[in-house]
């Protein structure tokens, strides 16, 4: 995935993993178990894609999962799945757009 190393260096990022669409880990940095996270991110992206198809939506680009203890962004681009754990104290919308801009340009 283009610019993965840049995303990993953002101060809002606690950990990041990039995998292929089957969940095989390609790269990982920070505070996460990359093998497990890559598989979970890919499975989640696949499930959300299927739900989107049923709802008549276009291809999944990104999804945010927010919980009291953490925030995860899952982005699909160029046949890769990026999962990013984001500091929950940071403004999600700004961080999400910053990451998307970085990986798509």
Protein backbone atom coordinates (compact mmCIF):
# COMPACT_ATOMS: atom_id res chain seq x y z
CA UNK A 1 0.00 0.00 0.00
CA UNK A 2 1.30 3.37 -1.02
CA UNK A 3 2.47 5.63 1.83
CA UNK A 4 1.95 3.05 4.60
CA UNK A 5 5.17 4.22 6.26
CA UNK A 6 3.88 7.81 6.32
CA UNK A 7 0.58 6.79 7.91
CA UNK A 8 2.44 4.81 10.55
CA UNK A 9 4.34 7.95 11.58
CA UNK A 10 1.27 10.11 12.19
CA UNK A 11 1.17 11.06 15.89
CA UNK A 12 -2.49 10.01 16.14
CA UNK A 13 -1.68 6.44 15.04
CA UNK A 14 -1.11 3.92 17.82
CA UNK A 15 -0.64 0.98 15.48
CA UNK A 16 -1.28 0.02 11.87
CA UNK A 17 -1.37 -3.14 9.79
CA UNK A 18 -1.74 -3.61 6.08
CA UNK A 19 -2.84 -6.92 4.61
CA UNK A 20 -4.04 -8.27 1.32
CA UNK A 21 -7.74 -8.91 0.83
CA UNK A 22 -7.40 -12.48 2.14
CA UNK A 23 -5.93 -11.22 5.42
CA UNK A 24 -2.29 -12.13 4.85
CA UNK A 25 -0.14 -9.58 6.66
CA UNK A 26 2.04 -7.37 4.46
CA UNK A 27 3.36 -4.90 7.06
CA UNK A 28 2.71 -3.83 10.63
CA UNK A 29 3.89 -1.15 13.04
CA UNK A 30 3.07 -0.03 16.54
CA UNK A 31 0.88 -1.45 19.24
CA UNK A 32 -0.96 -4.39 17.65
CA UNK A 33 -0.60 -8.06 16.80
CA UNK A 34 -0.27 -7.66 13.05
CA UNK A 35 -1.10 -11.25 12.06
CA UNK A 36 -4.38 -11.23 13.99
CA UNK A 37 -5.26 -7.62 13.19
CA UNK A 38 -4.62 -8.04 9.45
CA UNK A 39 -6.95 -11.04 9.30
CA UNK A 40 -9.67 -9.30 11.34
CA UNK A 41 -9.43 -6.11 9.27
CA UNK A 42 -9.73 -8.07 6.01
CA UNK A 43 -12.68 -10.13 7.32
CA UNK A 44 -14.42 -6.96 8.52
CA UNK A 45 -13.86 -5.25 5.17
CA UNK A 46 -15.28 -8.28 3.35
CA UNK A 47 -18.36 -8.38 5.61
CA UNK A 48 -18.98 -4.64 5.21
CA UNK A 49 -18.53 -4.93 1.44
CA UNK A 50 -21.16 -7.66 1.31
CA UNK A 51 -23.53 -5.58 3.44
CA UNK A 52 -22.93 -2.61 1.16
CA UNK A 53 -23.76 -4.69 -1.90
CA UNK A 54 -27.07 -5.77 -0.33
CA UNK A 55 -27.84 -2.12 0.43
CA UNK A 56 -26.97 -1.04 -3.11
CA UNK A 57 -23.90 0.94 -2.09
CA UNK A 58 -20.74 1.23 -4.10
CA UNK A 59 -17.40 -0.34 -3.21
CA UNK A 60 -16.27 -0.02 0.40
CA UNK A 61 -13.56 2.60 0.85
CA UNK A 62 -13.33 2.99 4.62
CA UNK A 63 -15.11 2.38 7.89
CA UNK A 64 -14.52 3.60 11.41
CA UNK A 65 -15.20 1.52 14.49
CA UNK A 66 -15.45 3.53 17.68
CA UNK A 67 -15.55 2.08 21.19
CA UNK A 68 -15.00 3.60 24.63
CA UNK A 69 -11.42 2.33 24.77
CA UNK A 70 -10.28 2.80 21.18
CA UNK A 71 -10.92 3.70 17.58
CA UNK A 72 -10.06 1.71 14.48
CA UNK A 73 -10.13 2.87 10.88
CA UNK A 74 -10.32 0.23 8.16
CA UNK A 75 -9.54 1.44 4.64
CA UNK A 76 -9.56 -0.57 1.41
CA UNK A 77 -7.40 0.67 -1.46
CA UNK A 78 -5.46 -0.96 -4.32
CA UNK A 79 -6.46 -4.51 -3.22
CA UNK A 80 -4.99 -3.89 0.24
CA UNK A 81 -6.72 -3.49 3.58
CA UNK A 82 -5.31 -1.00 6.04
CA UNK A 83 -6.31 -1.14 9.69
CA UNK A 84 -5.25 1.75 11.91
CA UNK A 85 -5.70 2.06 15.67
CA UNK A 86 -6.21 5.75 16.36
CA UNK A 87 -5.79 7.60 19.62
CA UNK A 88 -9.43 7.96 20.77
CA UNK A 89 -8.72 11.44 22.15
CA UNK A 90 -8.01 12.75 18.64
CA UNK A 91 -10.73 14.06 16.28
CA UNK A 92 -11.66 11.02 14.21
CA UNK A 93 -12.95 12.87 11.15
CA UNK A 94 -9.73 14.85 10.73
CA UNK A 95 -7.49 11.82 11.27
CA UNK A 96 -9.58 9.67 8.94
CA UNK A 97 -9.38 12.23 6.14
CA UNK A 98 -5.65 12.71 6.71
CA UNK A 99 -5.02 8.95 6.39
CA UNK A 100 -7.30 8.57 3.34
CA UNK A 101 -5.61 11.48 1.58
CA UNK A 102 -2.21 9.98 2.30
CA UNK A 103 -2.95 6.51 0.92
CA UNK A 104 -4.87 7.64 -2.15
CA UNK A 105 -2.50 10.30 -3.46
